Amino acid sequence: MPSGDLISQLLALFAVLGVGVLLRALGRAGQADAAVLHRLVIDVTTPALIVTVLRRSGIGHGAWGAVAASTVALFACALAGVAVARALGLPRAAQGAAGLVGSFSNTGFLGVPVVLALYGDAGGAAGTAILVDSIVTAFLLWTFGVALAARMGGGGGGGGGGRGLLAVLLHPNVLSIAVGLTLHAAPIPLPVWLEHALGALGSATPTLVFLALGLSLDLASLRGRVRPLAAIAAVKLLLSPAVALGAAVALGLKRPTSEVAVLQSAMPTSMVSVIVAARYGCDGQFAAATAVVTTLGALASLPIVIEVLRRIVP
């Protein structure tokens, strides 16, 4: 697909985000409506999307290479986030938050729908994106991420990482991966009406995700911390995809696997990482503000990343 088509599709999704921002500004919708959309996406449309994608194409060839490249980027940016925050003189709790939000990407709620919108089922791209989300974001967040947050934030908030990891394993998105892969491997035929219903629900995911993000953005959270927010946003939106690209090239990954690894690493901050930061005593307000900045910053950074990929990746 030409880079112009990729960028135009991405800009169309961000236009939907703009509709959400406008509705919030006009008082026609707000955080409560965003919460309803979030729950619908998480519990209904994304599981339908995952089952549909994996049933058709399974996990893409070389997908574990994408997991490796994304993992390298995550650990590098966790260290960079802490180091940058320390260099700026931020307290230890803010350093821990910076490590989390500078490394963990919004790969499931945002990354998978974006990859599907840009690539469709070509080369198992969406299946690769799902695997990256499951391993690099979900599993590592509730293991490495929780350990980092507890160490830097003093372990505040209670709640063990084991319970969080169990909740992840029982999440509808994770269960839908097992269902999708089973249907792909068997293969088990589905009634036509059910197949069409799953397809319709799954295809609604990108639009609902960006509309919900627009309704959720709280610009008031950006006040007073412009310099550190900009620095950590640069780590998340620029350094993370750059490291993933270097790792993908070193591993000899080909398109679209290499592009998926870079795009997943280029996604803005994971909203769940904000929750983990606050739960374990890190600076939750700084983490939330970074999530807003990186989401807005992705408007500019993702088209640049896509163009670089088209010029560099073999």
C-alpha atoms as a PDB file:
ATOM      1  CA  MET A   1       0.000   0.000   0.000  1.00  0.00           C
ATOM      2  CA  PRO A   2       1.456   3.431  -0.903  1.00  0.00           C
ATOM      3  CA  SER A   3       2.508   5.579   2.049  1.00  0.00           C
ATOM      4  CA  GLY A   4       0.030   8.256   0.997  1.00  0.00           C
ATOM      5  CA  ASP A   5      -2.837   5.785   1.449  1.00  0.00           C
ATOM      6  CA  LEU A   6      -1.541   4.796   4.898  1.00  0.00           C
ATOM      7  CA  ILE A   7      -1.255   8.406   6.012  1.00  0.00           C
ATOM      8  CA  SER A   8      -4.671   9.357   4.621  1.00  0.00           C
ATOM      9  CA  GLN A   9      -6.307   6.477   6.503  1.00  0.00           C
ATOM     10  CA  LEU A  10      -4.487   7.448   9.691  1.00  0.00           C
ATOM     11  CA  LEU A  11      -5.532  11.085   9.316  1.00  0.00           C
ATOM     12  CA  ALA A  12      -9.131   9.944   8.800  1.00  0.00           C
ATOM     13  CA  LEU A  13      -9.002   8.145  12.154  1.00  0.00           C
ATOM     14  CA  PHE A  14      -7.600  11.223  13.867  1.00  0.00           C
ATOM     15  CA  ALA A  15     -10.401  13.255  12.279  1.00  0.00           C
ATOM     16  CA  VAL A  16     -12.793  11.004  14.204  1.00  0.00           C
ATOM     17  CA  LEU A  17     -10.782  11.812  17.349  1.00  0.00           C
ATOM     18  CA  GLY A  18     -11.318  15.479  16.536  1.00  0.00           C
ATOM     19  CA  VAL A  19     -15.070  14.906  16.431  1.00  0.00           C
ATOM     20  CA  GLY A  20     -14.869  13.536  19.957  1.00  0.00           C
ATOM     21  CA  VAL A  21     -12.864  16.544  21.155  1.00  0.00           C
ATOM     22  CA  LEU A  22     -15.416  18.882  19.545  1.00  0.00           C
ATOM     23  CA  LEU A  23     -18.366  17.077  21.118  1.00  0.00           C
ATOM     24  CA  ARG A  24     -16.704  17.371  24.530  1.00  0.00           C
ATOM     25  CA  ALA A  25     -15.940  21.069  24.006  1.00  0.00           C
ATOM     26  CA  LEU A  26     -19.574  21.737  23.016  1.00  0.00           C
ATOM     27  CA  GLY A  27     -20.879  19.886  26.054  1.00  0.00           C
ATOM     28  CA  ARG A  28     -22.738  17.346  23.917  1.00  0.00           C
ATOM     29  CA  ALA A  29     -20.791  14.393  25.342  1.00  0.00           C
ATOM     30  CA  GLY A  30     -18.083  13.801  27.923  1.00  0.00           C
ATOM     31  CA  GLN A  31     -16.158  11.405  30.126  1.00  0.00           C
ATOM     32  CA  ALA A  32     -19.209   9.313  31.026  1.00  0.00           C
ATOM     33  CA  ASP A  33     -19.953   8.703  27.349  1.00  0.00           C
ATOM     34  CA  ALA A  34     -16.287   7.880  26.724  1.00  0.00           C
ATOM     35  CA  ALA A  35     -16.416   5.313  29.541  1.00  0.00           C
ATOM     36  CA  VAL A  36     -19.382   3.592  27.875  1.00  0.00           C
ATOM     37  CA  LEU A  37     -17.530   3.478  24.543  1.00  0.00           C
ATOM     38  CA  HIS A  38     -14.377   2.179  26.267  1.00  0.00           C
ATOM     39  CA  ARG A  39     -16.316  -0.668  27.848  1.00  0.00           C
ATOM     40  CA  LEU A  40     -18.050  -1.484  24.552  1.00  0.00           C
ATOM     41  CA  VAL A  41     -14.709  -1.573  22.719  1.00  0.00           C
ATOM     42  CA  ILE A  42     -12.923  -3.607  25.379  1.00  0.00           C
ATOM     43  CA  ASP A  43     -15.643  -6.174  26.059  1.00  0.00           C
ATOM     44  CA  VAL A  44     -17.398  -6.474  22.686  1.00  0.00           C
ATOM     45  CA  THR A  45     -15.924  -5.031  19.504  1.00  0.00           C
ATOM     46  CA  THR A  46     -12.218  -5.739  20.119  1.00  0.00           C
ATOM     47  CA  PRO A  47     -12.807  -9.413  21.047  1.00  0.00           C
ATOM     48  CA  ALA A  48     -14.933  -9.724  17.889  1.00  0.00           C
ATOM     49  CA  LEU A  49     -12.122  -8.112  15.895  1.00  0.00           C
ATOM     50  CA  ILE A  50      -9.498 -10.457  17.360  1.00  0.00           C
ATOM     51  CA  VAL A  51     -11.561 -13.587  16.677  1.00  0.00           C
ATOM     52  CA  THR A  52     -12.251 -12.456  13.097  1.00  0.00           C
ATOM     53  CA  VAL A  53      -8.610 -11.608  12.346  1.00  0.00           C
ATOM     54  CA  LEU A  54      -7.051 -14.706  13.922  1.00  0.00           C
ATOM     55  CA  ARG A  55      -9.647 -17.049  12.440  1.00  0.00           C
ATOM     56  CA  ARG A  56      -8.754 -15.808   8.946  1.00  0.00           C
ATOM     57  CA  SER A  57      -4.991 -15.410   9.109  1.00  0.00           C
ATOM     58  CA  GLY A  58      -3.653 -16.685  12.445  1.00  0.00           C
ATOM     59  CA  ILE A  59      -0.398 -15.204  13.708  1.00  0.00           C
ATOM     60  CA  GLY A  60       1.748 -13.704  10.954  1.00  0.00           C
ATOM     61  CA  HIS A  61       5.039 -15.276   9.850  1.00  0.00           C
ATOM     62  CA  GLY A  62       7.908 -13.805  11.855  1.00  0.00           C
ATOM     63  CA  ALA A  63       5.531 -12.404  14.496  1.00  0.00           C
ATOM     64  CA  TRP A  64       7.884 -13.415  17.324  1.00  0.00           C
ATOM     65  CA  GLY A  65      10.534 -11.234  15.711  1.00  0.00           C
ATOM     66  CA  ALA A  66       8.148  -8.295  16.070  1.00  0.00           C
ATOM     67  CA  VAL A  67       7.678  -9.220  19.733  1.00  0.00           C
ATOM     68  CA  ALA A  68      11.468  -9.232  20.211  1.00  0.00           C
ATOM     69  CA  ALA A  69      11.959  -5.839  18.517  1.00  0.00           C
ATOM     70  CA  SER A  70       9.111  -4.277  20.494  1.00  0.00           C
ATOM     71  CA  THR A  71      10.452  -5.725  23.748  1.00  0.00           C
ATOM     72  CA  VAL A  72      13.900  -4.217  23.128  1.00  0.00           C
ATOM     73  CA  ALA A  73      12.258  -0.832  22.534  1.00  0.00           C
ATOM     74  CA  LEU A  74      10.160  -1.145  25.695  1.00  0.00           C
ATOM     75  CA  PHE A  75      13.100  -1.864  28.019  1.00  0.00           C
ATOM     76  CA  ALA A  76      15.281   0.795  26.379  1.00  0.00           C
ATOM     77  CA  CYS A  77      12.583   3.449  26.799  1.00  0.00           C
ATOM     78  CA  ALA A  78      11.793   2.439  30.379  1.00  0.00           C
ATOM     79  CA  LEU A  79      15.430   3.147  31.234  1.00  0.00           C
ATOM     80  CA  ALA A  80      15.427   6.321  29.130  1.00  0.00           C
ATOM     81  CA  GLY A  81      12.227   7.609  30.756  1.00  0.00           C
ATOM     82  CA  VAL A  82      13.651   7.203  34.257  1.00  0.00           C
ATOM     83  CA  ALA A  83      16.989   8.729  33.203  1.00  0.00           C
ATOM     84  CA  VAL A  84      15.392  11.764  31.535  1.00  0.00           C
ATOM     85  CA  ALA A  85      13.105  12.411  34.509  1.00  0.00           C
ATOM     86  CA  ARG A  86      16.076  12.155  36.886  1.00  0.00           C
ATOM     87  CA  ALA A  87      18.127  14.550  34.732  1.00  0.00           C
ATOM     88  CA  LEU A  88      15.259  17.054  34.901  1.00  0.00           C
ATOM     89  CA  GLY A  89      15.275  16.858  38.702  1.00  0.00           C
ATOM     90  CA  LEU A  90      11.889  15.173  39.076  1.00  0.00           C
ATOM     91  CA  PRO A  91      11.194  13.242  42.306  1.00  0.00           C
ATOM     92  CA  ARG A  92      11.478   9.465  42.440  1.00  0.00           C
ATOM     93  CA  ALA A  93       7.701   8.916  42.082  1.00  0.00           C
ATOM     94  CA  ALA A  94       7.674  10.968  38.870  1.00  0.00           C
ATOM     95  CA  GLN A  95      10.745   9.078  37.614  1.00  0.00           C
ATOM     96  CA  GLY A  96       8.871   5.798  38.024  1.00  0.00           C
ATOM     97  CA  ALA A  97       5.851   7.205  36.206  1.00  0.00           C
ATOM     98  CA  ALA A  98       8.111   8.408  33.402  1.00  0.00           C
ATOM     99  CA  GLY A  99       9.616   4.949  33.017  1.00  0.00           C
ATOM    100  CA  LEU A 100       6.169   3.391  32.671  1.00  0.00           C
ATOM    101  CA  VAL A 101       4.486   5.901  30.380  1.00  0.00           C
ATOM    102  CA  GLY A 102       7.619   6.369  28.289  1.00  0.00           C
ATOM    103  CA  SER A 103       7.776   2.675  27.428  1.00  0.00           C
ATOM    104  CA  PHE A 104       4.363   0.976  27.476  1.00  0.00           C
ATOM    105  CA  SER A 105       2.336   1.658  24.337  1.00  0.00           C
ATOM    106  CA  ASN A 106      -1.394   1.692  23.720  1.00  0.00           C
ATOM    107  CA  THR A 107      -0.996  -1.394  21.536  1.00  0.00           C
ATOM    108  CA  GLY A 108      -4.369  -3.054  22.099  1.00  0.00           C
ATOM    109  CA  PHE A 109      -6.938  -0.290  22.380  1.00  0.00           C
ATOM    110  CA  LEU A 110      -5.238   1.814  19.688  1.00  0.00           C
ATOM    111  CA  GLY A 111      -2.436  -0.111  17.971  1.00  0.00           C
ATOM    112  CA  VAL A 112      -4.368  -3.183  16.808  1.00  0.00           C
ATOM    113  CA  PRO A 113      -7.215  -1.144  15.247  1.00  0.00           C
ATOM    114  CA  VAL A 114      -4.725   1.170  13.533  1.00  0.00           C
ATOM    115  CA  VAL A 115      -2.716  -1.739  12.089  1.00  0.00           C
ATOM    116  CA  LEU A 116      -5.915  -3.393  10.885  1.00  0.00           C
ATOM    117  CA  ALA A 117      -7.112  -0.150   9.286  1.00  0.00           C
ATOM    118  CA  LEU A 118      -3.764   0.373   7.547  1.00  0.00           C
ATOM    119  CA  TYR A 119      -2.936  -3.186   6.465  1.00  0.00           C
ATOM    120  CA  GLY A 120      -6.091  -5.287   6.685  1.00  0.00           C
ATOM    121  CA  ASP A 121      -5.202  -8.983   6.790  1.00  0.00           C
ATOM    122  CA  ALA A 122      -2.134  -8.577   4.544  1.00  0.00           C
ATOM    123  CA  GLY A 123       0.766 -10.752   5.664  1.00  0.00           C
ATOM    124  CA  GLY A 124      -0.826 -11.456   9.051  1.00  0.00           C
ATOM    125  CA  ALA A 125      -0.126  -7.864  10.167  1.00  0.00           C
ATOM    126  CA  ALA A 126      -3.110  -7.639  12.508  1.00  0.00           C
ATOM    127  CA  GLY A 127      -2.336 -11.043  14.048  1.00  0.00           C
ATOM    128  CA  THR A 128       1.233  -9.886  14.680  1.00  0.00           C
ATOM    129  CA  ALA A 129      -0.073  -6.706  16.312  1.00  0.00           C
ATOM    130  CA  ILE A 130      -2.305  -8.790  18.586  1.00  0.00           C
ATOM    131  CA  LEU A 131       0.649 -10.948  19.670  1.00  0.00           C
ATOM    132  CA  VAL A 132       2.747  -7.849  20.441  1.00  0.00           C
ATOM    133  CA  ASP A 133      -0.085  -6.450  22.547  1.00  0.00           C
ATOM    134  CA  SER A 134      -0.524  -9.708  24.468  1.00  0.00           C
ATOM    135  CA  ILE A 135       3.161 -10.295  25.241  1.00  0.00           C
ATOM    136  CA  VAL A 136       4.911  -6.923  25.202  1.00  0.00           C
ATOM    137  CA  THR A 137       2.161  -4.797  26.708  1.00  0.00           C
ATOM    138  CA  ALA A 138      -0.151  -6.989  28.796  1.00  0.00           C
ATOM    139  CA  PHE A 139       2.261  -9.608  30.170  1.00  0.00           C
ATOM    140  CA  LEU A 140       5.256  -7.310  30.689  1.00  0.00           C
ATOM    141  CA  LEU A 141       3.123  -4.549  32.209  1.00  0.00           C
ATOM    142  CA  TRP A 142       1.844  -6.846  34.964  1.00  0.00           C
ATOM    143  CA  THR A 143       5.306  -8.253  35.642  1.00  0.00           C
ATOM    144  CA  PHE A 144       8.141  -5.860  34.803  1.00  0.00           C
ATOM    145  CA  GLY A 145       5.888  -2.777  34.852  1.00  0.00           C
ATOM    146  CA  VAL A 146       4.437  -3.524  38.273  1.00  0.00           C
ATOM    147  CA  ALA A 147       7.915  -4.270  39.663  1.00  0.00           C
ATOM    148  CA  LEU A 148       9.243  -0.941  38.309  1.00  0.00           C
ATOM    149  CA  ALA A 149       6.294   1.031  39.667  1.00  0.00           C
ATOM    150  CA  ALA A 150       6.491  -0.620  43.104  1.00  0.00           C
ATOM    151  CA  ARG A 151      10.240  -0.015  43.352  1.00  0.00           C
ATOM    152  CA  MET A 152      10.095   3.634  42.279  1.00  0.00           C
ATOM    153  CA  GLY A 153       6.807   4.501  43.984  1.00  0.00           C
ATOM    154  CA  GLY A 154       7.241   2.612  47.240  1.00  0.00           C
ATOM    155  CA  GLY A 155       4.617  -0.040  46.405  1.00  0.00           C
ATOM    156  CA  GLY A 156       1.679   2.154  47.346  1.00  0.00           C
ATOM    157  CA  GLY A 157      -1.892   1.248  46.499  1.00  0.00           C
ATOM    158  CA  GLY A 158      -1.805  -2.417  47.512  1.00  0.00           C
ATOM    159  CA  GLY A 159      -2.991  -5.020  45.017  1.00  0.00           C
ATOM    160  CA  GLY A 160      -0.522  -7.652  43.919  1.00  0.00           C
ATOM    161  CA  GLY A 161       0.804  -8.035  40.413  1.00  0.00           C
ATOM    162  CA  GLY A 162      -0.274 -11.677  40.458  1.00  0.00           C
ATOM    163  CA  ARG A 163      -3.939 -10.731  40.747  1.00  0.00           C
ATOM    164  CA  GLY A 164      -3.502  -8.168  37.997  1.00  0.00           C
ATOM    165  CA  LEU A 165      -1.875 -10.749  35.738  1.00  0.00           C
ATOM    166  CA  LEU A 166      -4.700 -13.217  36.449  1.00  0.00           C
ATOM    167  CA  ALA A 167      -7.225 -10.549  35.478  1.00  0.00           C
ATOM    168  CA  VAL A 168      -5.334 -10.066  32.207  1.00  0.00           C
ATOM    169  CA  LEU A 169      -5.381 -13.796  31.463  1.00  0.00           C
ATOM    170  CA  LEU A 170      -9.154 -13.882  31.998  1.00  0.00           C
ATOM    171  CA  HIS A 171      -9.788 -10.703  30.006  1.00  0.00           C
ATOM    172  CA  PRO A 172     -12.164 -11.005  26.997  1.00  0.00           C
ATOM    173  CA  ASN A 173      -9.365  -9.924  24.639  1.00  0.00           C
ATOM    174  CA  VAL A 174      -7.059 -12.717  25.816  1.00  0.00           C
ATOM    175  CA  LEU A 175      -9.816 -15.324  25.753  1.00  0.00           C
ATOM    176  CA  SER A 176     -10.726 -14.214  22.227  1.00  0.00           C
ATOM    177  CA  ILE A 177      -7.140 -14.918  21.130  1.00  0.00           C
ATOM    178  CA  ALA A 178      -7.556 -18.548  22.213  1.00  0.00           C
ATOM    179  CA  VAL A 179     -10.915 -18.754  20.430  1.00  0.00           C
ATOM    180  CA  GLY A 180      -9.570 -17.187  17.240  1.00  0.00           C
ATOM    181  CA  LEU A 181      -6.507 -19.410  17.067  1.00  0.00           C
ATOM    182  CA  THR A 182      -8.631 -22.516  17.740  1.00  0.00           C
ATOM    183  CA  LEU A 183     -11.008 -21.606  14.926  1.00  0.00           C
ATOM    184  CA  HIS A 184      -8.027 -21.013  12.629  1.00  0.00           C
ATOM    185  CA  ALA A 185      -6.283 -24.276  13.486  1.00  0.00           C
ATOM    186  CA  ALA A 186      -9.328 -26.585  13.407  1.00  0.00           C
ATOM    187  CA  PRO A 187     -10.769 -24.966  11.203  1.00  0.00           C
ATOM    188  CA  ILE A 188     -14.281 -24.793  12.631  1.00  0.00           C
ATOM    189  CA  PRO A 189     -16.962 -23.356  10.304  1.00  0.00           C
ATOM    190  CA  LEU A 190     -19.198 -20.654  11.702  1.00  0.00           C
ATOM    191  CA  PRO A 191     -22.794 -19.894  10.708  1.00  0.00           C
ATOM    192  CA  VAL A 192     -22.881 -17.157   8.084  1.00  0.00           C
ATOM    193  CA  TRP A 193     -24.929 -14.846  10.307  1.00  0.00           C
ATOM    194  CA  LEU A 194     -22.418 -15.185  13.162  1.00  0.00           C
ATOM    195  CA  GLU A 195     -19.465 -14.554  10.857  1.00  0.00           C
ATOM    196  CA  HIS A 196     -21.115 -11.415   9.505  1.00  0.00           C
ATOM    197  CA  ALA A 197     -21.992 -10.218  13.016  1.00  0.00           C
ATOM    198  CA  LEU A 198     -18.409 -10.668  14.235  1.00  0.00           C
ATOM    199  CA  GLY A 199     -17.110  -8.853  11.164  1.00  0.00           C
ATOM    200  CA  ALA A 200     -19.498  -5.934  11.630  1.00  0.00           C
ATOM    201  CA  LEU A 201     -18.659  -5.555  15.317  1.00  0.00           C
ATOM    202  CA  GLY A 202     -14.913  -5.847  14.725  1.00  0.00           C
ATOM    203  CA  SER A 203     -14.888  -3.319  11.881  1.00  0.00           C
ATOM    204  CA  ALA A 204     -16.477  -0.723  14.180  1.00  0.00           C
ATOM    205  CA  THR A 205     -13.525  -0.858  16.586  1.00  0.00           C
ATOM    206  CA  PRO A 206     -11.175   1.768  15.015  1.00  0.00           C
ATOM    207  CA  THR A 207     -13.936   4.390  14.763  1.00  0.00           C
ATOM    208  CA  LEU A 208     -15.193   3.803  18.307  1.00  0.00           C
ATOM    209  CA  VAL A 209     -11.636   3.838  19.710  1.00  0.00           C
ATOM    210  CA  PHE A 210     -10.760   7.220  18.269  1.00  0.00           C
ATOM    211  CA  LEU A 211     -14.133   8.732  19.147  1.00  0.00           C
ATOM    212  CA  ALA A 212     -13.716   7.540  22.754  1.00  0.00           C
ATOM    213  CA  LEU A 213     -10.174   8.949  22.903  1.00  0.00           C
ATOM    214  CA  GLY A 214     -11.447  12.329  21.728  1.00  0.00           C
ATOM    215  CA  LEU A 215     -14.125  12.360  24.412  1.00  0.00           C
ATOM    216  CA  SER A 216     -11.545  11.357  27.059  1.00  0.00           C
ATOM    217  CA  LEU A 217      -8.843  13.965  26.458  1.00  0.00           C
ATOM    218  CA  ASP A 218      -8.468  16.333  29.415  1.00  0.00           C
ATOM    219  CA  LEU A 219      -6.324  19.234  28.261  1.00  0.00           C
ATOM    220  CA  ALA A 220      -6.375  20.804  31.743  1.00  0.00           C
ATOM    221  CA  SER A 221      -3.981  18.083  32.956  1.00  0.00           C
ATOM    222  CA  LEU A 222      -1.137  19.603  30.901  1.00  0.00           C
ATOM    223  CA  ARG A 223      -0.672  22.758  32.964  1.00  0.00           C
ATOM    224  CA  GLY A 224       2.620  23.439  34.719  1.00  0.00           C
ATOM    225  CA  ARG A 225       4.792  20.583  33.442  1.00  0.00           C
ATOM    226  CA  VAL A 226       5.432  21.434  29.810  1.00  0.00           C
ATOM    227  CA  ARG A 227       9.175  20.670  29.745  1.00  0.00           C
ATOM    228  CA  PRO A 228       9.143  17.207  31.401  1.00  0.00           C
ATOM    229  CA  LEU A 229       5.989  16.231  29.526  1.00  0.00           C
ATOM    230  CA  ALA A 230       7.586  17.151  26.201  1.00  0.00           C
ATOM    231  CA  ALA A 231      10.752  15.225  27.106  1.00  0.00           C
ATOM    232  CA  ILE A 232       8.949  12.001  28.033  1.00  0.00           C
ATOM    233  CA  ALA A 233       6.661  12.341  25.014  1.00  0.00           C
ATOM    234  CA  ALA A 234       9.777  12.461  22.824  1.00  0.00           C
ATOM    235  CA  VAL A 235      10.994   9.233  24.445  1.00  0.00           C
ATOM    236  CA  LYS A 236       7.642   7.539  23.794  1.00  0.00           C
ATOM    237  CA  LEU A 237       6.858   8.820  20.315  1.00  0.00           C
ATOM    238  CA  LEU A 238      10.334   9.164  18.770  1.00  0.00           C
ATOM    239  CA  LEU A 239      12.909   7.085  20.646  1.00  0.00           C
ATOM    240  CA  SER A 240      10.661   4.035  21.062  1.00  0.00           C
ATOM    241  CA  PRO A 241       9.934   3.520  17.332  1.00  0.00           C
ATOM    242  CA  ALA A 242      13.568   4.348  16.481  1.00  0.00           C
ATOM    243  CA  VAL A 243      14.849   1.609  18.798  1.00  0.00           C
ATOM    244  CA  ALA A 244      12.226  -0.833  17.478  1.00  0.00           C
ATOM    245  CA  LEU A 245      13.277  -0.020  13.913  1.00  0.00           C
ATOM    246  CA  GLY A 246      16.935  -0.626  14.749  1.00  0.00           C
ATOM    247  CA  ALA A 247      16.077  -3.950  16.396  1.00  0.00           C
ATOM    248  CA  ALA A 248      13.858  -4.980  13.464  1.00  0.00           C
ATOM    249  CA  VAL A 249      16.638  -4.248  10.971  1.00  0.00           C
ATOM    250  CA  ALA A 250      19.185  -6.110  13.122  1.00  0.00           C
ATOM    251  CA  LEU A 251      16.855  -9.116  13.288  1.00  0.00           C
ATOM    252  CA  GLY A 252      16.326  -9.036   9.530  1.00  0.00           C
ATOM    253  CA  LEU A 253      12.555  -8.628   9.768  1.00  0.00           C
ATOM    254  CA  LYS A 254      10.634  -7.961   6.559  1.00  0.00           C
ATOM    255  CA  ARG A 255       7.430  -6.089   5.817  1.00  0.00           C
ATOM    256  CA  PRO A 256       4.819  -6.030   7.232  1.00  0.00           C
ATOM    257  CA  THR A 257       6.244  -7.654  10.392  1.00  0.00           C
ATOM    258  CA  SER A 258       8.937  -5.008  10.841  1.00  0.00           C
ATOM    259  CA  GLU A 259       6.450  -2.206  10.267  1.00  0.00           C
ATOM    260  CA  VAL A 260       4.034  -3.624  12.837  1.00  0.00           C
ATOM    261  CA  ALA A 261       6.811  -3.808  15.448  1.00  0.00           C
ATOM    262  CA  VAL A 262       7.715  -0.164  14.840  1.00  0.00           C
ATOM    263  CA  LEU A 263       4.124   1.078  14.710  1.00  0.00           C
ATOM    264  CA  GLN A 264       3.170  -0.696  17.936  1.00  0.00           C
ATOM    265  CA  SER A 265       6.197   0.879  19.628  1.00  0.00           C
ATOM    266  CA  ALA A 266       5.223   4.284  18.181  1.00  0.00           C
ATOM    267  CA  MET A 267       1.745   4.256  19.723  1.00  0.00           C
ATOM    268  CA  PRO A 268       1.018   6.752  22.515  1.00  0.00           C
ATOM    269  CA  THR A 269       1.115   5.818  26.175  1.00  0.00           C
ATOM    270  CA  SER A 270      -0.924   2.868  27.397  1.00  0.00           C
ATOM    271  CA  MET A 271      -3.803   4.003  29.604  1.00  0.00           C
ATOM    272  CA  VAL A 272      -3.348   0.924  31.796  1.00  0.00           C
ATOM    273  CA  SER A 273       0.238   1.989  32.554  1.00  0.00           C
ATOM    274  CA  VAL A 274      -1.211   5.211  34.006  1.00  0.00           C
ATOM    275  CA  ILE A 275      -3.389   3.137  36.341  1.00  0.00           C
ATOM    276  CA  VAL A 276      -0.421   0.969  37.380  1.00  0.00           C
ATOM    277  CA  ALA A 277       1.711   4.066  38.054  1.00  0.00           C
ATOM    278  CA  ALA A 278      -0.906   5.553  40.390  1.00  0.00           C
ATOM    279  CA  ARG A 279      -1.725   2.233  42.107  1.00  0.00           C
ATOM    280  CA  TYR A 280       1.881   1.593  43.134  1.00  0.00           C
ATOM    281  CA  GLY A 281       2.692   5.056  44.452  1.00  0.00           C
ATOM    282  CA  CYS A 282       4.172   6.744  41.381  1.00  0.00           C
ATOM    283  CA  ASP A 283       3.048  10.175  40.155  1.00  0.00           C
ATOM    284  CA  GLY A 284      -0.358   9.377  38.666  1.00  0.00           C
ATOM    285  CA  GLN A 285      -1.082  12.949  37.585  1.00  0.00           C
ATOM    286  CA  PHE A 286       2.159  13.165  35.636  1.00  0.00           C
ATOM    287  CA  ALA A 287       1.443   9.788  34.040  1.00  0.00           C
ATOM    288  CA  ALA A 288      -2.071  10.868  33.005  1.00  0.00           C
ATOM    289  CA  ALA A 289      -0.790  14.144  31.570  1.00  0.00           C
ATOM    290  CA  THR A 290       1.834  12.256  29.547  1.00  0.00           C
ATOM    291  CA  ALA A 291      -0.881  10.003  28.128  1.00  0.00           C
ATOM    292  CA  VAL A 292      -2.739  13.092  26.908  1.00  0.00           C
ATOM    293  CA  VAL A 293       0.400  14.653  25.395  1.00  0.00           C
ATOM    294  CA  THR A 294       1.475  11.475  23.609  1.00  0.00           C
ATOM    295  CA  THR A 295      -2.020  10.882  22.242  1.00  0.00           C
ATOM    296  CA  LEU A 296      -2.116  14.404  20.812  1.00  0.00           C
ATOM    297  CA  GLY A 297       1.520  14.190  19.704  1.00  0.00           C
ATOM    298  CA  ALA A 298       0.787  11.019  17.763  1.00  0.00           C
ATOM    299  CA  LEU A 299      -1.173  13.197  15.338  1.00  0.00           C
ATOM    300  CA  ALA A 300       2.184  14.451  14.071  1.00  0.00           C
ATOM    301  CA  SER A 301       4.539  11.586  14.908  1.00  0.00           C
ATOM    302  CA  LEU A 302       2.695   8.599  13.397  1.00  0.00           C
ATOM    303  CA  PRO A 303       2.576   9.986   9.820  1.00  0.00           C
ATOM    304  CA  ILE A 304       6.311  10.716  10.129  1.00  0.00           C
ATOM    305  CA  VAL A 305       7.011   7.185  11.374  1.00  0.00           C
ATOM    306  CA  ILE A 306       5.007   5.712   8.486  1.00  0.00           C
ATOM    307  CA  GLU A 307       6.901   7.778   5.935  1.00  0.00           C
ATOM    308  CA  VAL A 308      10.258   6.765   7.440  1.00  0.00           C
ATOM    309  CA  LEU A 309       9.209   3.108   7.334  1.00  0.00           C
ATOM    310  CA  ARG A 310       8.329   3.356   3.675  1.00  0.00           C
ATOM    311  CA  ARG A 311      11.726   4.842   2.853  1.00  0.00           C
ATOM    312  CA  ILE A 312      13.955   2.643   5.053  1.00  0.00           C
ATOM    313  CA  VAL A 313      12.419  -0.781   5.723  1.00  0.00           C
ATOM    314  CA  PRO A 314      13.220  -3.360   3.002  1.00  0.00           C
END
